[in-house]
Amino acid sequence: MSKTLLYGATKIDETNAAYAAVASLEQFQWKNRVFVVIADRDNSRAARQENLLLADRTALEERDIVIVKLVGSSIKSLFGSGHALNGQALREELETPDMGEFAAFLVGKDGTVKLKVSEPISAGELFAIIDSMPVRAAEAVKQDK
């Protein structure tokens, strides 16, 4: 399983625009984290990714996650409000793999890509990554008060 974690001291890929904000997702900035699923040719890995994440809707809500699926240049909202997005612009900004290849991206509340995977990621792994982020830690402190 290939994962590129683009967060903090464990950032792996310094050649891409990991810290540039994804302009087509600016409506979510500082409100939501966006998980973008890029459908593969037969949709099998994308469907598996959907099932892994949508099984725990409460945890998705707690972490302010919106999930969208990109098929070609069409966007489908899977969880939360992800309508009115430009699929082609999103595909270009994320530098997605070739059509027919699976990928998934986590875009943080600051609008930058935090994670890119080429195989489905479990909800537990995704939540652990999010929970290790400073913005999420600050949210948890506020929730405890």
N, C-alpha and C. Protein backbone atom coordinates (compact mmCIF):
# COMPACT_ATOMS: atom_id res chain seq x y z
N MET A 1 0.85 -1.17 0.00
CA MET A 1 0.00 0.00 0.00
C MET A 1 0.89 1.23 0.00
N SER A 2 0.62 2.11 -0.93
CA SER A 2 1.42 3.32 -1.03
C SER A 2 0.69 4.47 -0.37
N LYS A 3 1.36 5.11 0.58
CA LYS A 3 0.79 6.28 1.25
C LYS A 3 1.85 7.37 1.24
N THR A 4 1.44 8.55 0.96
CA THR A 4 2.33 9.68 1.08
C THR A 4 1.72 10.60 2.13
N LEU A 5 2.35 10.66 3.26
CA LEU A 5 1.88 11.54 4.32
C LEU A 5 2.56 12.88 4.14
N LEU A 6 1.76 13.90 3.98
CA LEU A 6 2.30 15.21 3.66
C LEU A 6 2.15 16.15 4.84
N TYR A 7 2.36 15.64 6.02
CA TYR A 7 2.06 16.41 7.21
C TYR A 7 3.26 16.50 8.13
N GLY A 8 3.56 17.69 8.58
CA GLY A 8 4.58 17.93 9.61
C GLY A 8 5.93 17.34 9.29
N ALA A 9 6.59 16.84 10.33
CA ALA A 9 7.95 16.34 10.22
C ALA A 9 8.02 15.06 9.40
N THR A 10 6.89 14.41 9.18
CA THR A 10 6.91 13.17 8.42
C THR A 10 6.58 13.38 6.95
N LYS A 11 6.60 14.63 6.52
CA LYS A 11 6.33 14.92 5.12
C LYS A 11 7.34 14.20 4.24
N ILE A 12 6.84 13.49 3.23
CA ILE A 12 7.71 12.69 2.39
C ILE A 12 8.03 13.36 1.07
N ASP A 13 7.01 13.85 0.40
CA ASP A 13 7.18 14.33 -0.97
C ASP A 13 7.28 15.85 -1.01
N GLU A 14 8.49 16.36 -1.13
CA GLU A 14 8.69 17.81 -1.14
C GLU A 14 8.65 18.39 -2.55
N THR A 15 8.44 17.54 -3.56
CA THR A 15 8.47 18.03 -4.93
C THR A 15 7.12 18.52 -5.40
N ASN A 16 6.04 18.19 -4.69
CA ASN A 16 4.73 18.64 -5.16
C ASN A 16 4.29 19.86 -4.38
N ALA A 17 3.10 20.32 -4.66
CA ALA A 17 2.58 21.53 -4.02
C ALA A 17 1.80 21.16 -2.76
N ALA A 18 2.40 20.36 -1.91
CA ALA A 18 1.70 19.83 -0.74
C ALA A 18 1.12 20.92 0.15
N TYR A 19 1.80 22.03 0.25
CA TYR A 19 1.32 23.06 1.15
C TYR A 19 0.61 24.21 0.44
N ALA A 20 0.37 24.06 -0.84
CA ALA A 20 -0.42 25.06 -1.55
C ALA A 20 -1.89 24.72 -1.35
N ALA A 21 -2.70 25.70 -1.06
CA ALA A 21 -4.12 25.46 -0.84
C ALA A 21 -4.78 25.00 -2.14
N VAL A 22 -5.74 24.10 -2.00
CA VAL A 22 -6.49 23.60 -3.14
C VAL A 22 -7.64 24.57 -3.38
N ALA A 23 -7.48 25.44 -4.37
CA ALA A 23 -8.42 26.56 -4.59
C ALA A 23 -9.84 26.10 -4.83
N SER A 24 -10.02 24.98 -5.53
CA SER A 24 -11.38 24.53 -5.84
C SER A 24 -12.12 24.05 -4.60
N LEU A 25 -11.42 23.88 -3.49
CA LEU A 25 -12.05 23.46 -2.23
C LEU A 25 -12.09 24.58 -1.20
N GLU A 26 -11.85 25.82 -1.64
CA GLU A 26 -11.74 26.92 -0.67
C GLU A 26 -13.02 27.15 0.13
N GLN A 27 -14.18 26.72 -0.38
CA GLN A 27 -15.43 26.87 0.37
C GLN A 27 -15.41 26.09 1.69
N PHE A 28 -14.52 25.10 1.79
CA PHE A 28 -14.43 24.28 3.00
C PHE A 28 -13.35 24.77 3.98
N GLN A 29 -12.50 25.68 3.52
CA GLN A 29 -11.35 26.09 4.32
C GLN A 29 -11.78 26.60 5.69
N TRP A 30 -11.13 26.08 6.71
CA TRP A 30 -11.34 26.36 8.13
C TRP A 30 -12.70 25.89 8.66
N LYS A 31 -13.45 25.15 7.82
CA LYS A 31 -14.73 24.59 8.26
C LYS A 31 -14.71 23.06 8.25
N ASN A 32 -14.17 22.50 7.17
CA ASN A 32 -14.20 21.05 6.99
C ASN A 32 -12.88 20.51 6.47
N ARG A 33 -12.64 19.25 6.79
CA ARG A 33 -11.60 18.47 6.13
C ARG A 33 -12.31 17.78 4.98
N VAL A 34 -11.65 17.65 3.85
CA VAL A 34 -12.28 17.03 2.69
C VAL A 34 -11.48 15.80 2.31
N PHE A 35 -12.18 14.68 2.19
CA PHE A 35 -11.56 13.43 1.74
C PHE A 35 -12.08 13.19 0.33
N VAL A 36 -11.18 13.19 -0.64
CA VAL A 36 -11.54 13.03 -2.04
C VAL A 36 -11.16 11.63 -2.49
N VAL A 37 -12.14 10.88 -2.97
CA VAL A 37 -11.92 9.53 -3.49
C VAL A 37 -11.95 9.61 -5.01
N ILE A 38 -10.87 9.16 -5.64
CA ILE A 38 -10.80 9.13 -7.10
C ILE A 38 -11.14 7.71 -7.53
N ALA A 39 -12.23 7.57 -8.27
CA ALA A 39 -12.70 6.24 -8.65
C ALA A 39 -11.75 5.58 -9.65
N ASP A 40 -11.59 4.28 -9.48
CA ASP A 40 -10.80 3.49 -10.41
C ASP A 40 -11.72 2.96 -11.52
N ARG A 41 -11.10 2.35 -12.51
CA ARG A 41 -11.82 1.91 -13.70
C ARG A 41 -13.04 1.06 -13.36
N ASP A 42 -12.89 0.06 -12.49
CA ASP A 42 -14.02 -0.82 -12.15
C ASP A 42 -14.70 -0.41 -10.85
N ASN A 43 -14.25 0.66 -10.23
CA ASN A 43 -14.83 1.23 -9.02
C ASN A 43 -14.67 0.34 -7.78
N SER A 44 -13.92 -0.74 -7.86
CA SER A 44 -13.83 -1.67 -6.73
C SER A 44 -13.09 -1.06 -5.53
N ARG A 45 -11.94 -0.45 -5.75
CA ARG A 45 -11.21 0.15 -4.62
C ARG A 45 -11.93 1.38 -4.10
N ALA A 46 -12.54 2.16 -4.99
CA ALA A 46 -13.30 3.33 -4.56
C ALA A 46 -14.49 2.90 -3.71
N ALA A 47 -15.19 1.86 -4.13
CA ALA A 47 -16.33 1.36 -3.36
C ALA A 47 -15.87 0.84 -2.00
N ARG A 48 -14.73 0.14 -1.97
CA ARG A 48 -14.20 -0.35 -0.69
C ARG A 48 -13.84 0.82 0.22
N GLN A 49 -13.23 1.87 -0.35
CA GLN A 49 -12.89 3.05 0.44
C GLN A 49 -14.14 3.70 1.02
N GLU A 50 -15.17 3.84 0.21
CA GLU A 50 -16.44 4.41 0.68
C GLU A 50 -16.96 3.62 1.88
N ASN A 51 -17.02 2.29 1.73
CA ASN A 51 -17.54 1.44 2.79
C ASN A 51 -16.73 1.54 4.08
N LEU A 52 -15.40 1.61 3.95
CA LEU A 52 -14.54 1.72 5.13
C LEU A 52 -14.82 2.99 5.91
N LEU A 53 -15.02 4.09 5.20
CA LEU A 53 -15.21 5.38 5.88
C LEU A 53 -16.65 5.62 6.32
N LEU A 54 -17.60 5.26 5.51
CA LEU A 54 -18.99 5.56 5.82
C LEU A 54 -19.56 4.67 6.93
N ALA A 55 -18.81 3.68 7.36
CA ALA A 55 -19.26 2.81 8.44
C ALA A 55 -19.29 3.55 9.77
N ASP A 56 -18.53 4.63 9.91
CA ASP A 56 -18.49 5.37 11.17
C ASP A 56 -18.82 6.84 10.93
N ARG A 57 -20.08 7.11 10.68
CA ARG A 57 -20.53 8.46 10.36
C ARG A 57 -20.37 9.42 11.54
N THR A 58 -20.50 8.91 12.75
CA THR A 58 -20.34 9.76 13.93
C THR A 58 -18.92 10.31 13.99
N ALA A 59 -17.93 9.46 13.76
CA ALA A 59 -16.53 9.90 13.78
C ALA A 59 -16.26 10.89 12.65
N LEU A 60 -16.90 10.70 11.51
CA LEU A 60 -16.74 11.65 10.40
C LEU A 60 -17.29 13.02 10.80
N GLU A 61 -18.45 13.02 11.42
CA GLU A 61 -19.06 14.29 11.86
C GLU A 61 -18.19 14.97 12.92
N GLU A 62 -17.68 14.20 13.88
CA GLU A 62 -16.84 14.76 14.94
C GLU A 62 -15.60 15.45 14.39
N ARG A 63 -15.10 14.94 13.27
CA ARG A 63 -13.88 15.48 12.67
C ARG A 63 -14.18 16.44 11.51
N ASP A 64 -15.43 16.79 11.34
CA ASP A 64 -15.84 17.75 10.30
C ASP A 64 -15.37 17.33 8.91
N ILE A 65 -15.60 16.06 8.58
CA ILE A 65 -15.13 15.53 7.30
C ILE A 65 -16.25 15.54 6.27
N VAL A 66 -15.92 16.01 5.09
CA VAL A 66 -16.77 15.92 3.90
C VAL A 66 -16.09 14.92 2.98
N ILE A 67 -16.87 14.00 2.42
CA ILE A 67 -16.30 13.02 1.50
C ILE A 67 -16.94 13.21 0.13
N VAL A 68 -16.09 13.35 -0.87
CA VAL A 68 -16.57 13.46 -2.25
C VAL A 68 -15.86 12.42 -3.10
N LYS A 69 -16.55 12.00 -4.14
CA LYS A 69 -16.00 11.02 -5.07
C LYS A 69 -15.88 11.68 -6.43
N LEU A 70 -14.73 11.53 -7.04
CA LEU A 70 -14.45 12.10 -8.35
C LEU A 70 -14.39 10.96 -9.37
N VAL A 71 -15.32 10.97 -10.31
CA VAL A 71 -15.37 9.97 -11.38
C VAL A 71 -15.22 10.74 -12.68
N GLY A 72 -14.08 10.58 -13.33
CA GLY A 72 -13.80 11.40 -14.50
C GLY A 72 -13.68 12.84 -14.05
N SER A 73 -14.59 13.69 -14.49
CA SER A 73 -14.60 15.07 -14.00
C SER A 73 -15.91 15.37 -13.26
N SER A 74 -16.65 14.32 -12.92
CA SER A 74 -17.91 14.48 -12.19
C SER A 74 -17.68 14.25 -10.70
N ILE A 75 -18.34 15.09 -9.89
CA ILE A 75 -18.23 15.01 -8.44
C ILE A 75 -19.54 14.46 -7.87
N LYS A 76 -19.40 13.51 -6.95
CA LYS A 76 -20.56 12.99 -6.22
C LYS A 76 -20.28 13.16 -4.74
N SER A 77 -21.20 13.78 -4.03
CA SER A 77 -21.04 13.97 -2.59
C SER A 77 -21.44 12.68 -1.89
N LEU A 78 -20.54 12.13 -1.06
CA LEU A 78 -20.82 10.89 -0.33
C LEU A 78 -21.19 11.14 1.12
N PHE A 79 -20.61 12.18 1.71
CA PHE A 79 -20.89 12.52 3.11
C PHE A 79 -20.67 14.01 3.30
N GLY A 80 -21.64 14.67 3.85
CA GLY A 80 -21.54 16.12 4.00
C GLY A 80 -21.92 16.80 2.70
N SER A 81 -21.77 18.09 2.68
CA SER A 81 -22.17 18.89 1.53
C SER A 81 -20.97 19.16 0.63
N GLY A 82 -20.94 18.51 -0.51
CA GLY A 82 -19.83 18.71 -1.43
C GLY A 82 -20.30 19.04 -2.82
N HIS A 83 -21.41 19.72 -2.93
CA HIS A 83 -21.94 20.06 -4.23
C HIS A 83 -21.29 21.34 -4.78
N ALA A 84 -21.56 21.61 -6.01
CA ALA A 84 -21.07 22.81 -6.70
C ALA A 84 -19.55 22.86 -6.79
N LEU A 85 -18.93 21.70 -6.91
CA LEU A 85 -17.48 21.64 -7.10
C LEU A 85 -17.17 21.40 -8.57
N ASN A 86 -16.04 21.91 -9.01
CA ASN A 86 -15.58 21.72 -10.37
C ASN A 86 -14.64 20.52 -10.38
N GLY A 87 -15.13 19.39 -10.88
CA GLY A 87 -14.35 18.16 -10.87
C GLY A 87 -13.06 18.25 -11.66
N GLN A 88 -13.10 18.90 -12.82
CA GLN A 88 -11.90 19.01 -13.64
C GLN A 88 -10.83 19.85 -12.93
N ALA A 89 -11.25 20.97 -12.33
CA ALA A 89 -10.29 21.81 -11.60
C ALA A 89 -9.70 21.05 -10.43
N LEU A 90 -10.54 20.31 -9.72
CA LEU A 90 -10.06 19.53 -8.57
C LEU A 90 -9.07 18.47 -9.03
N ARG A 91 -9.38 17.79 -10.12
CA ARG A 91 -8.48 16.77 -10.66
C ARG A 91 -7.12 17.37 -11.00
N GLU A 92 -7.10 18.56 -11.60
CA GLU A 92 -5.84 19.21 -11.98
C GLU A 92 -5.08 19.68 -10.74
N GLU A 93 -5.76 20.28 -9.79
CA GLU A 93 -5.09 20.80 -8.60
C GLU A 93 -4.48 19.70 -7.75
N LEU A 94 -5.17 18.58 -7.66
CA LEU A 94 -4.66 17.47 -6.85
C LEU A 94 -3.62 16.64 -7.59
N GLU A 95 -3.45 16.91 -8.87
CA GLU A 95 -2.53 16.13 -9.70
C GLU A 95 -2.85 14.65 -9.55
N THR A 96 -4.10 14.32 -9.86
CA THR A 96 -4.59 12.95 -9.70
C THR A 96 -3.93 12.01 -10.69
N PRO A 97 -3.99 10.72 -10.39
CA PRO A 97 -3.41 9.76 -11.34
C PRO A 97 -4.24 9.71 -12.63
N ASP A 98 -3.77 8.94 -13.58
CA ASP A 98 -4.48 8.80 -14.85
C ASP A 98 -5.90 8.32 -14.62
N MET A 99 -6.78 8.68 -15.53
CA MET A 99 -8.17 8.22 -15.47
C MET A 99 -8.17 6.70 -15.32
N GLY A 100 -9.01 6.22 -14.45
CA GLY A 100 -9.12 4.79 -14.25
C GLY A 100 -8.26 4.26 -13.12
N GLU A 101 -7.43 5.10 -12.51
CA GLU A 101 -6.59 4.69 -11.38
C GLU A 101 -7.20 5.21 -10.08
N PHE A 102 -7.11 4.42 -9.02
CA PHE A 102 -7.63 4.82 -7.72
C PHE A 102 -6.63 5.72 -7.00
N ALA A 103 -7.14 6.67 -6.27
CA ALA A 103 -6.34 7.48 -5.34
C ALA A 103 -7.32 8.11 -4.37
N ALA A 104 -6.81 8.54 -3.23
CA ALA A 104 -7.63 9.28 -2.27
C ALA A 104 -6.73 10.33 -1.63
N PHE A 105 -7.33 11.49 -1.34
CA PHE A 105 -6.61 12.62 -0.78
C PHE A 105 -7.36 13.15 0.43
N LEU A 106 -6.62 13.52 1.45
CA LEU A 106 -7.19 14.22 2.58
C LEU A 106 -6.70 15.66 2.50
N VAL A 107 -7.64 16.59 2.45
CA VAL A 107 -7.32 18.01 2.45
C VAL A 107 -7.73 18.55 3.80
N GLY A 108 -6.78 19.16 4.50
CA GLY A 108 -7.02 19.66 5.85
C GLY A 108 -7.85 20.92 5.86
N LYS A 109 -8.23 21.34 7.05
CA LYS A 109 -9.02 22.56 7.20
C LYS A 109 -8.28 23.79 6.69
N ASP A 110 -6.95 23.72 6.65
CA ASP A 110 -6.18 24.85 6.12
C ASP A 110 -6.17 24.87 4.59
N GLY A 111 -6.79 23.85 3.98
CA GLY A 111 -6.91 23.81 2.52
C GLY A 111 -5.77 23.11 1.81
N THR A 112 -4.83 22.53 2.55
CA THR A 112 -3.69 21.86 1.92
C THR A 112 -3.83 20.34 2.01
N VAL A 113 -3.20 19.66 1.06
CA VAL A 113 -3.23 18.20 1.02
C VAL A 113 -2.37 17.65 2.16
N LYS A 114 -2.98 16.80 2.96
CA LYS A 114 -2.30 16.20 4.11
C LYS A 114 -1.92 14.75 3.87
N LEU A 115 -2.67 14.08 3.00
CA LEU A 115 -2.44 12.66 2.77
C LEU A 115 -2.87 12.30 1.36
N LYS A 116 -2.07 11.45 0.73
CA LYS A 116 -2.42 10.88 -0.57
C LYS A 116 -2.17 9.39 -0.47
N VAL A 117 -3.18 8.58 -0.83
CA VAL A 117 -3.01 7.13 -0.81
C VAL A 117 -3.39 6.56 -2.17
N SER A 118 -2.76 5.45 -2.52
CA SER A 118 -3.07 4.78 -3.78
C SER A 118 -3.81 3.46 -3.54
N GLU A 119 -4.10 3.18 -2.29
CA GLU A 119 -4.92 2.03 -1.90
C GLU A 119 -5.86 2.51 -0.79
N PRO A 120 -7.03 1.89 -0.66
CA PRO A 120 -7.96 2.33 0.40
C PRO A 120 -7.30 2.33 1.78
N ILE A 121 -7.68 3.29 2.59
CA ILE A 121 -7.16 3.44 3.95
C ILE A 121 -8.30 3.18 4.92
N SER A 122 -8.01 2.53 6.02
CA SER A 122 -9.06 2.24 7.01
C SER A 122 -9.47 3.53 7.71
N ALA A 123 -10.68 3.51 8.23
CA ALA A 123 -11.17 4.67 8.99
C ALA A 123 -10.27 4.93 10.18
N GLY A 124 -9.84 3.87 10.86
CA GLY A 124 -8.97 4.03 12.03
C GLY A 124 -7.66 4.72 11.69
N GLU A 125 -7.05 4.33 10.57
CA GLU A 125 -5.80 4.96 10.14
C GLU A 125 -6.03 6.43 9.81
N LEU A 126 -7.09 6.70 9.07
CA LEU A 126 -7.39 8.09 8.70
C LEU A 126 -7.65 8.94 9.93
N PHE A 127 -8.45 8.43 10.86
CA PHE A 127 -8.77 9.19 12.06
C PHE A 127 -7.53 9.42 12.93
N ALA A 128 -6.64 8.45 12.98
CA ALA A 128 -5.40 8.62 13.75
C ALA A 128 -4.54 9.73 13.15
N ILE A 129 -4.48 9.79 11.82
CA ILE A 129 -3.72 10.85 11.16
C ILE A 129 -4.34 12.21 11.47
N ILE A 130 -5.65 12.30 11.33
CA ILE A 130 -6.34 13.56 11.60
C ILE A 130 -6.16 13.97 13.06
N ASP A 131 -6.31 13.00 13.96
CA ASP A 131 -6.23 13.30 15.39
C ASP A 131 -4.84 13.75 15.83
N SER A 132 -3.83 13.46 15.01
CA SER A 132 -2.46 13.88 15.34
C SER A 132 -2.15 15.29 14.86
N MET A 133 -3.07 15.91 14.14
CA MET A 133 -2.85 17.25 13.60
C MET A 133 -3.13 18.31 14.65
N PRO A 134 -2.35 19.40 14.65
CA PRO A 134 -2.55 20.47 15.64
C PRO A 134 -3.95 21.08 15.64
N VAL A 135 -4.54 21.27 14.47
CA VAL A 135 -5.88 21.86 14.42
C VAL A 135 -6.88 20.94 15.11
N ARG A 136 -6.76 19.64 14.88
CA ARG A 136 -7.67 18.68 15.51
C ARG A 136 -7.43 18.64 17.02
N ALA A 137 -6.18 18.72 17.44
CA ALA A 137 -5.87 18.73 18.88
C ALA A 137 -6.53 19.94 19.54
N ALA A 138 -6.48 21.09 18.89
CA ALA A 138 -7.11 22.30 19.42
C ALA A 138 -8.62 22.13 19.49
N GLU A 139 -9.20 21.48 18.48
CA GLU A 139 -10.64 21.21 18.49
C GLU A 139 -11.02 20.31 19.66
N ALA A 140 -10.21 19.30 19.91
CA ALA A 140 -10.50 18.37 21.01
C ALA A 140 -10.47 19.09 22.35
N VAL A 141 -9.52 20.00 22.53
CA VAL A 141 -9.43 20.78 23.78
C VAL A 141 -10.69 21.63 23.93
N LYS A 142 -11.14 22.28 22.86
CA LYS A 142 -12.35 23.10 22.92
C LYS A 142 -13.58 22.26 23.26
N GLN A 143 -13.64 21.03 22.71
CA GLN A 143 -14.78 20.15 22.98
C GLN A 143 -14.82 19.69 24.42
N ASP A 144 -13.66 19.57 25.04
CA ASP A 144 -13.58 19.11 26.43
C ASP A 144 -14.03 20.18 27.42
N LYS A 145 -14.00 21.45 27.00
CA LYS A 145 -14.34 22.55 27.89
C LYS A 145 -15.83 22.74 27.98
